[in-house]
Amino acid sequence: MVRKSIKRNEQRSDISLLDGSNSIPNKEDVSNTRETGKIKVQAGFDISTSAIGICILEESTGKLIHLDNVKMTSTKLTDEYDKSDLFEKELLSWWKDEWVPSKIYIEKAAMMFTPGMSSAQTIMTLGRFNGIISNILYKKFGIKPTMIGVTSARSKLGIKIDRKDKSKTTKDKVFEIVKTMHPEFPWITHIAKNGKFKDQLVYDKENYDMCDAFVIVAGGRLLA
């Protein structure tokens, strides 16, 4: 299980949009935070039945506090109910009392078929799972999640995907952009056991879910 956090007492860079803009802390928010010891945050979730990406940003500054993912690939997880139970346990295990969420953003589930990639069954299953996870978050925080379209979120962040370039997948391209924005984050790596990168250090695909969660919350802040 991945535990990749950037704590407040560690060095963190501002989350800068590709147009160079940054959010500015509100003085009252900063004062209230100091007095109560709480940190107002906004959270983003990229939900699929194989993994859930999680990103938490500080509300007033947009700084990165936490990036994580919950893997759902164990054969012991037979359906979306088992997977949602795992997610809830993981969430409760690491969520800090000092984090007070003001907004929760979730990637809007696919509504249309993608030839060769989706089916009616897949869309229905993902939609049902999305609803279960949304309800878990609502029950825990008392906040109704805001659904965000990933294309709109990318656009707000200035992330442009060249569809004609087939050398890399969209997820590869998004990861490279977000990694450039946050080079300080300890991105997950491993030594490849086969393929053209055999015996080389490569990035895990788990990073993709976390990057998608980042896009959802960072873009959602600008859309909502």
C-alpha atoms as a PDB file:
ATOM      1  CA  MET A   1       0.000   0.000   0.000  1.00  0.00           C
ATOM      2  CA  VAL A   2       1.345   3.403  -0.983  1.00  0.00           C
ATOM      3  CA  ARG A   3       1.830   6.048   1.634  1.00  0.00           C
ATOM      4  CA  LYS A   4       3.204   9.107  -0.089  1.00  0.00           C
ATOM      5  CA  SER A   5       2.581  12.277   1.881  1.00  0.00           C
ATOM      6  CA  ILE A   6       4.164  15.683   1.854  1.00  0.00           C
ATOM      7  CA  LYS A   7       3.798  16.967   5.397  1.00  0.00           C
ATOM      8  CA  ARG A   8       3.538  20.612   6.332  1.00  0.00           C
ATOM      9  CA  ASN A   9       6.939  20.645   8.049  1.00  0.00           C
ATOM     10  CA  GLU A  10       8.673  19.351   4.943  1.00  0.00           C
ATOM     11  CA  GLN A  11       9.734  21.398   1.951  1.00  0.00           C
ATOM     12  CA  ARG A  12       6.883  21.740  -0.546  1.00  0.00           C
ATOM     13  CA  SER A  13       6.613  23.781  -3.713  1.00  0.00           C
ATOM     14  CA  ASP A  14       3.543  25.791  -4.643  1.00  0.00           C
ATOM     15  CA  ILE A  15       1.146  24.196  -7.068  1.00  0.00           C
ATOM     16  CA  SER A  16       1.633  26.485 -10.032  1.00  0.00           C
ATOM     17  CA  LEU A  17      -0.733  26.306 -12.949  1.00  0.00           C
ATOM     18  CA  LEU A  18       0.825  26.100 -16.368  1.00  0.00           C
ATOM     19  CA  ASP A  19      -0.050  29.759 -16.914  1.00  0.00           C
ATOM     20  CA  GLY A  20       2.123  30.627 -13.889  1.00  0.00           C
ATOM     21  CA  SER A  21      -0.688  31.652 -11.543  1.00  0.00           C
ATOM     22  CA  ASN A  22      -0.899  30.717  -7.852  1.00  0.00           C
ATOM     23  CA  SER A  23      -3.656  31.038  -5.298  1.00  0.00           C
ATOM     24  CA  ILE A  24      -2.990  33.530  -2.483  1.00  0.00           C
ATOM     25  CA  PRO A  25      -3.779  32.645   1.142  1.00  0.00           C
ATOM     26  CA  ASN A  26      -6.588  34.585   2.777  1.00  0.00           C
ATOM     27  CA  LYS A  27      -5.248  36.243   5.968  1.00  0.00           C
ATOM     28  CA  GLU A  28      -8.331  35.309   7.951  1.00  0.00           C
ATOM     29  CA  ASP A  29      -8.054  31.659   6.878  1.00  0.00           C
ATOM     30  CA  VAL A  30      -4.382  31.550   7.888  1.00  0.00           C
ATOM     31  CA  SER A  31      -5.167  33.124  11.282  1.00  0.00           C
ATOM     32  CA  ASN A  32      -8.028  30.709  11.961  1.00  0.00           C
ATOM     33  CA  THR A  33      -5.833  27.760  11.016  1.00  0.00           C
ATOM     34  CA  ARG A  34      -3.114  28.823  13.432  1.00  0.00           C
ATOM     35  CA  GLU A  35      -5.565  29.291  16.277  1.00  0.00           C
ATOM     36  CA  THR A  36      -7.375  25.970  15.890  1.00  0.00           C
ATOM     37  CA  GLY A  37      -4.502  23.791  14.706  1.00  0.00           C
ATOM     38  CA  LYS A  38      -6.704  22.658  11.836  1.00  0.00           C
ATOM     39  CA  ILE A  39      -5.875  22.725   8.149  1.00  0.00           C
ATOM     40  CA  LYS A  40      -8.629  23.490   5.674  1.00  0.00           C
ATOM     41  CA  VAL A  41      -8.218  21.186   2.702  1.00  0.00           C
ATOM     42  CA  GLN A  42      -9.832  20.185  -0.558  1.00  0.00           C
ATOM     43  CA  ALA A  43      -9.690  16.575  -1.725  1.00  0.00           C
ATOM     44  CA  GLY A  44      -9.862  14.919  -5.118  1.00  0.00           C
ATOM     45  CA  PHE A  45     -10.564  11.277  -5.958  1.00  0.00           C
ATOM     46  CA  ASP A  46     -10.026   9.384  -9.201  1.00  0.00           C
ATOM     47  CA  ILE A  47     -12.231   6.308  -8.907  1.00  0.00           C
ATOM     48  CA  SER A  48     -11.923   3.069 -10.833  1.00  0.00           C
ATOM     49  CA  THR A  49     -12.589  -0.529  -9.830  1.00  0.00           C
ATOM     50  CA  SER A  50      -8.858  -1.321  -9.945  1.00  0.00           C
ATOM     51  CA  ALA A  51      -7.522   1.652  -7.952  1.00  0.00           C
ATOM     52  CA  ILE A  52      -8.571   4.934  -6.377  1.00  0.00           C
ATOM     53  CA  GLY A  53      -6.252   7.899  -6.665  1.00  0.00           C
ATOM     54  CA  ILE A  54      -6.356  10.460  -3.850  1.00  0.00           C
ATOM     55  CA  CYS A  55      -5.014  14.015  -3.699  1.00  0.00           C
ATOM     56  CA  ILE A  56      -5.349  16.559  -0.903  1.00  0.00           C
ATOM     57  CA  LEU A  57      -4.512  20.247  -1.307  1.00  0.00           C
ATOM     58  CA  GLU A  58      -4.413  22.986   1.279  1.00  0.00           C
ATOM     59  CA  GLU A  59      -7.477  25.147   0.629  1.00  0.00           C
ATOM     60  CA  SER A  60      -5.998  28.622   0.985  1.00  0.00           C
ATOM     61  CA  THR A  61      -2.715  28.069  -0.854  1.00  0.00           C
ATOM     62  CA  GLY A  62      -3.373  25.096  -3.133  1.00  0.00           C
ATOM     63  CA  LYS A  63      -0.244  23.410  -1.781  1.00  0.00           C
ATOM     64  CA  LEU A  64       0.088  19.663  -2.077  1.00  0.00           C
ATOM     65  CA  ILE A  65      -0.389  17.896   1.250  1.00  0.00           C
ATOM     66  CA  HIS A  66      -1.026  14.268   0.344  1.00  0.00           C
ATOM     67  CA  LEU A  67      -0.973  11.969  -2.679  1.00  0.00           C
ATOM     68  CA  ASP A  68      -1.984   8.341  -2.393  1.00  0.00           C
ATOM     69  CA  ASN A  69      -3.788   5.458  -4.021  1.00  0.00           C
ATOM     70  CA  VAL A  70      -5.725   2.441  -2.857  1.00  0.00           C
ATOM     71  CA  LYS A  71      -5.189  -0.642  -5.012  1.00  0.00           C
ATOM     72  CA  MET A  72      -8.204  -2.866  -5.677  1.00  0.00           C
ATOM     73  CA  THR A  73      -6.529  -5.731  -7.518  1.00  0.00           C
ATOM     74  CA  SER A  74      -6.521  -8.395  -4.792  1.00  0.00           C
ATOM     75  CA  THR A  75      -8.408 -11.554  -5.753  1.00  0.00           C
ATOM     76  CA  LYS A  76     -10.001 -11.430  -2.291  1.00  0.00           C
ATOM     77  CA  LEU A  77     -11.985  -8.385  -3.409  1.00  0.00           C
ATOM     78  CA  THR A  78     -14.777 -10.095  -5.320  1.00  0.00           C
ATOM     79  CA  ASP A  79     -17.058  -7.125  -6.006  1.00  0.00           C
ATOM     80  CA  GLU A  80     -17.495  -3.369  -5.572  1.00  0.00           C
ATOM     81  CA  TYR A  81     -18.781  -3.827  -2.027  1.00  0.00           C
ATOM     82  CA  ASP A  82     -15.581  -5.559  -0.908  1.00  0.00           C
ATOM     83  CA  LYS A  83     -13.578  -2.840  -2.643  1.00  0.00           C
ATOM     84  CA  SER A  84     -15.543  -0.018  -1.043  1.00  0.00           C
ATOM     85  CA  ASP A  85     -15.029  -1.618   2.385  1.00  0.00           C
ATOM     86  CA  LEU A  86     -11.273  -1.625   1.743  1.00  0.00           C
ATOM     87  CA  PHE A  87     -11.345   2.002   0.657  1.00  0.00           C
ATOM     88  CA  GLU A  88     -13.254   3.059   3.775  1.00  0.00           C
ATOM     89  CA  LYS A  89     -10.811   1.232   6.059  1.00  0.00           C
ATOM     90  CA  GLU A  90      -7.816   2.765   4.292  1.00  0.00           C
ATOM     91  CA  LEU A  91      -9.334   6.244   4.403  1.00  0.00           C
ATOM     92  CA  LEU A  92     -10.031   6.013   8.123  1.00  0.00           C
ATOM     93  CA  SER A  93      -6.532   4.678   8.780  1.00  0.00           C
ATOM     94  CA  TRP A  94      -4.589   7.643   7.415  1.00  0.00           C
ATOM     95  CA  TRP A  95      -6.924  10.640   7.309  1.00  0.00           C
ATOM     96  CA  LYS A  96      -5.675  13.146   9.883  1.00  0.00           C
ATOM     97  CA  ASP A  97      -8.006  14.883  12.328  1.00  0.00           C
ATOM     98  CA  GLU A  98      -6.289  18.175  11.576  1.00  0.00           C
ATOM     99  CA  TRP A  99      -7.508  18.040   7.953  1.00  0.00           C
ATOM    100  CA  VAL A 100     -10.887  19.746   7.617  1.00  0.00           C
ATOM    101  CA  PRO A 101     -12.264  19.381   4.076  1.00  0.00           C
ATOM    102  CA  SER A 102     -14.301  22.188   2.539  1.00  0.00           C
ATOM    103  CA  LYS A 103     -14.733  20.571  -0.883  1.00  0.00           C
ATOM    104  CA  ILE A 104     -14.537  17.048  -2.258  1.00  0.00           C
ATOM    105  CA  TYR A 105     -14.112  16.534  -5.983  1.00  0.00           C
ATOM    106  CA  ILE A 106     -14.648  13.243  -7.795  1.00  0.00           C
ATOM    107  CA  GLU A 107     -14.007  12.482 -11.440  1.00  0.00           C
ATOM    108  CA  LYS A 108     -17.326  12.209 -13.228  1.00  0.00           C
ATOM    109  CA  ALA A 109     -17.987   8.628 -14.342  1.00  0.00           C
ATOM    110  CA  ALA A 110     -17.967   7.915 -18.070  1.00  0.00           C
ATOM    111  CA  MET A 111     -21.382   8.303 -19.641  1.00  0.00           C
ATOM    112  CA  MET A 112     -20.621   7.152 -23.171  1.00  0.00           C
ATOM    113  CA  PHE A 113     -19.105   4.123 -24.864  1.00  0.00           C
ATOM    114  CA  THR A 114     -15.494   4.240 -25.973  1.00  0.00           C
ATOM    115  CA  PRO A 115     -14.991   1.764 -28.843  1.00  0.00           C
ATOM    116  CA  GLY A 116     -12.653  -1.034 -27.807  1.00  0.00           C
ATOM    117  CA  MET A 117     -12.431   0.231 -24.216  1.00  0.00           C
ATOM    118  CA  SER A 118     -15.849   0.292 -22.573  1.00  0.00           C
ATOM    119  CA  SER A 119     -19.039  -1.709 -22.474  1.00  0.00           C
ATOM    120  CA  ALA A 120     -22.460  -1.177 -20.951  1.00  0.00           C
ATOM    121  CA  GLN A 121     -21.514  -3.519 -18.092  1.00  0.00           C
ATOM    122  CA  THR A 122     -18.271  -1.644 -17.417  1.00  0.00           C
ATOM    123  CA  ILE A 123     -19.999   1.731 -17.375  1.00  0.00           C
ATOM    124  CA  MET A 124     -22.759   0.470 -15.082  1.00  0.00           C
ATOM    125  CA  THR A 125     -20.284  -1.134 -12.666  1.00  0.00           C
ATOM    126  CA  LEU A 126     -18.085   1.962 -12.515  1.00  0.00           C
ATOM    127  CA  GLY A 127     -21.101   4.227 -12.059  1.00  0.00           C
ATOM    128  CA  ARG A 128     -22.358   2.083  -9.187  1.00  0.00           C
ATOM    129  CA  PHE A 129     -18.917   2.005  -7.547  1.00  0.00           C
ATOM    130  CA  ASN A 130     -18.552   5.759  -8.008  1.00  0.00           C
ATOM    131  CA  GLY A 131     -21.846   6.216  -6.156  1.00  0.00           C
ATOM    132  CA  ILE A 132     -20.825   3.922  -3.287  1.00  0.00           C
ATOM    133  CA  ILE A 133     -17.504   5.741  -2.768  1.00  0.00           C
ATOM    134  CA  SER A 134     -19.245   9.122  -3.023  1.00  0.00           C
ATOM    135  CA  ASN A 135     -21.667   8.066  -0.286  1.00  0.00           C
ATOM    136  CA  ILE A 136     -18.822   6.886   1.975  1.00  0.00           C
ATOM    137  CA  LEU A 137     -17.189  10.315   1.644  1.00  0.00           C
ATOM    138  CA  TYR A 138     -20.496  12.086   2.229  1.00  0.00           C
ATOM    139  CA  LYS A 139     -21.176  10.082   5.386  1.00  0.00           C
ATOM    140  CA  LYS A 140     -17.685  10.703   6.782  1.00  0.00           C
ATOM    141  CA  PHE A 141     -17.364  14.415   6.021  1.00  0.00           C
ATOM    142  CA  GLY A 142     -20.948  15.624   5.564  1.00  0.00           C
ATOM    143  CA  ILE A 143     -19.976  17.122   2.206  1.00  0.00           C
ATOM    144  CA  LYS A 144     -21.715  16.239  -1.034  1.00  0.00           C
ATOM    145  CA  PRO A 145     -18.956  15.483  -3.579  1.00  0.00           C
ATOM    146  CA  THR A 146     -18.768  17.640  -6.687  1.00  0.00           C
ATOM    147  CA  MET A 147     -18.446  15.658  -9.917  1.00  0.00           C
ATOM    148  CA  ILE A 148     -15.786  17.019 -12.259  1.00  0.00           C
ATOM    149  CA  GLY A 149     -15.196  16.136 -15.904  1.00  0.00           C
ATOM    150  CA  VAL A 150     -11.553  15.284 -16.389  1.00  0.00           C
ATOM    151  CA  THR A 151     -11.340  17.033 -19.777  1.00  0.00           C
ATOM    152  CA  SER A 152     -12.645  20.287 -18.286  1.00  0.00           C
ATOM    153  CA  ALA A 153     -10.264  19.973 -15.326  1.00  0.00           C
ATOM    154  CA  ARG A 154      -7.270  19.497 -17.612  1.00  0.00           C
ATOM    155  CA  SER A 155      -8.316  22.483 -19.690  1.00  0.00           C
ATOM    156  CA  LYS A 156      -8.543  24.722 -16.617  1.00  0.00           C
ATOM    157  CA  LEU A 157      -5.022  23.705 -15.643  1.00  0.00           C
ATOM    158  CA  GLY A 158      -3.713  24.388 -19.131  1.00  0.00           C
ATOM    159  CA  ILE A 159      -2.992  20.707 -19.758  1.00  0.00           C
ATOM    160  CA  LYS A 160      -3.319  20.088 -23.484  1.00  0.00           C
ATOM    161  CA  ILE A 161      -3.196  16.557 -24.889  1.00  0.00           C
ATOM    162  CA  ASP A 162      -2.029  16.094 -28.468  1.00  0.00           C
ATOM    163  CA  ARG A 163      -4.335  13.320 -29.690  1.00  0.00           C
ATOM    164  CA  LYS A 164      -2.348  12.946 -32.892  1.00  0.00           C
ATOM    165  CA  ASP A 165       0.758  11.955 -30.950  1.00  0.00           C
ATOM    166  CA  LYS A 166       0.430   8.190 -30.520  1.00  0.00           C
ATOM    167  CA  SER A 167       3.916   7.690 -29.064  1.00  0.00           C
ATOM    168  CA  LYS A 168       2.536   7.871 -25.509  1.00  0.00           C
ATOM    169  CA  THR A 169      -0.804   7.285 -23.829  1.00  0.00           C
ATOM    170  CA  THR A 170      -2.874  10.150 -22.436  1.00  0.00           C
ATOM    171  CA  LYS A 171      -2.095   8.954 -18.903  1.00  0.00           C
ATOM    172  CA  ASP A 172       1.645   8.994 -19.699  1.00  0.00           C
ATOM    173  CA  LYS A 173       1.354  12.560 -20.960  1.00  0.00           C
ATOM    174  CA  VAL A 174      -0.645  13.768 -17.953  1.00  0.00           C
ATOM    175  CA  PHE A 175       1.814  12.102 -15.579  1.00  0.00           C
ATOM    176  CA  GLU A 176       4.781  13.814 -17.236  1.00  0.00           C
ATOM    177  CA  ILE A 177       3.114  17.223 -16.892  1.00  0.00           C
ATOM    178  CA  VAL A 178       2.097  16.761 -13.249  1.00  0.00           C
ATOM    179  CA  LYS A 179       5.538  15.307 -12.426  1.00  0.00           C
ATOM    180  CA  THR A 180       7.088  18.473 -13.851  1.00  0.00           C
ATOM    181  CA  MET A 181       4.806  20.551 -11.629  1.00  0.00           C
ATOM    182  CA  HIS A 182       5.806  18.486  -8.578  1.00  0.00           C
ATOM    183  CA  PRO A 183       9.357  17.159  -8.979  1.00  0.00           C
ATOM    184  CA  GLU A 184       9.726  17.150  -5.179  1.00  0.00           C
ATOM    185  CA  PHE A 185       7.153  14.389  -4.742  1.00  0.00           C
ATOM    186  CA  PRO A 186       8.595  10.854  -4.208  1.00  0.00           C
ATOM    187  CA  TRP A 187       6.968   9.278  -7.260  1.00  0.00           C
ATOM    188  CA  ILE A 188       6.707   5.487  -7.154  1.00  0.00           C
ATOM    189  CA  THR A 189       9.345   3.560  -9.096  1.00  0.00           C
ATOM    190  CA  HIS A 190      10.494  -0.029  -9.616  1.00  0.00           C
ATOM    191  CA  ILE A 191      13.065  -2.006 -11.584  1.00  0.00           C
ATOM    192  CA  ALA A 192      11.521  -3.360 -14.781  1.00  0.00           C
ATOM    193  CA  LYS A 193      11.748  -7.156 -15.011  1.00  0.00           C
ATOM    194  CA  ASN A 194      11.148  -7.414 -18.744  1.00  0.00           C
ATOM    195  CA  GLY A 195      10.440  -5.416 -21.881  1.00  0.00           C
ATOM    196  CA  LYS A 196      12.597  -2.764 -23.527  1.00  0.00           C
ATOM    197  CA  PHE A 197      13.314  -1.169 -20.138  1.00  0.00           C
ATOM    198  CA  LYS A 198      14.386  -4.403 -18.464  1.00  0.00           C
ATOM    199  CA  ASP A 199      16.619  -3.850 -15.406  1.00  0.00           C
ATOM    200  CA  GLN A 200      16.019  -0.105 -15.577  1.00  0.00           C
ATOM    201  CA  LEU A 201      14.306   2.116 -13.024  1.00  0.00           C
ATOM    202  CA  VAL A 202      10.830   3.024 -14.298  1.00  0.00           C
ATOM    203  CA  TYR A 203       7.757   4.765 -12.907  1.00  0.00           C
ATOM    204  CA  ASP A 204       4.863   2.661 -11.632  1.00  0.00           C
ATOM    205  CA  LYS A 205       1.465   3.066 -13.236  1.00  0.00           C
ATOM    206  CA  GLU A 206       0.084   3.736  -9.742  1.00  0.00           C
ATOM    207  CA  ASN A 207       1.344   7.279 -10.259  1.00  0.00           C
ATOM    208  CA  TYR A 208      -1.292   7.740 -12.968  1.00  0.00           C
ATOM    209  CA  ASP A 209      -4.206   7.394 -10.534  1.00  0.00           C
ATOM    210  CA  MET A 210      -2.637   9.919  -8.172  1.00  0.00           C
ATOM    211  CA  CYS A 211      -2.002  12.382 -11.008  1.00  0.00           C
ATOM    212  CA  ASP A 212      -5.592  12.057 -12.198  1.00  0.00           C
ATOM    213  CA  ALA A 213      -6.762  12.793  -8.635  1.00  0.00           C
ATOM    214  CA  PHE A 214      -4.520  15.857  -8.587  1.00  0.00           C
ATOM    215  CA  VAL A 215      -6.016  17.082 -11.866  1.00  0.00           C
ATOM    216  CA  ILE A 216      -9.543  16.598 -10.521  1.00  0.00           C
ATOM    217  CA  VAL A 217      -9.010  18.615  -7.330  1.00  0.00           C
ATOM    218  CA  ALA A 218      -6.694  21.279  -8.788  1.00  0.00           C
ATOM    219  CA  GLY A 219      -8.933  21.728 -11.829  1.00  0.00           C
ATOM    220  CA  GLY A 220     -12.071  21.441  -9.713  1.00  0.00           C
ATOM    221  CA  ARG A 221     -10.938  24.390  -7.593  1.00  0.00           C
ATOM    222  CA  LEU A 222     -11.073  26.519 -10.748  1.00  0.00           C
ATOM    223  CA  LEU A 223     -14.311  25.087 -12.111  1.00  0.00           C
ATOM    224  CA  ALA A 224     -16.529  25.035  -9.020  1.00  0.00           C
END
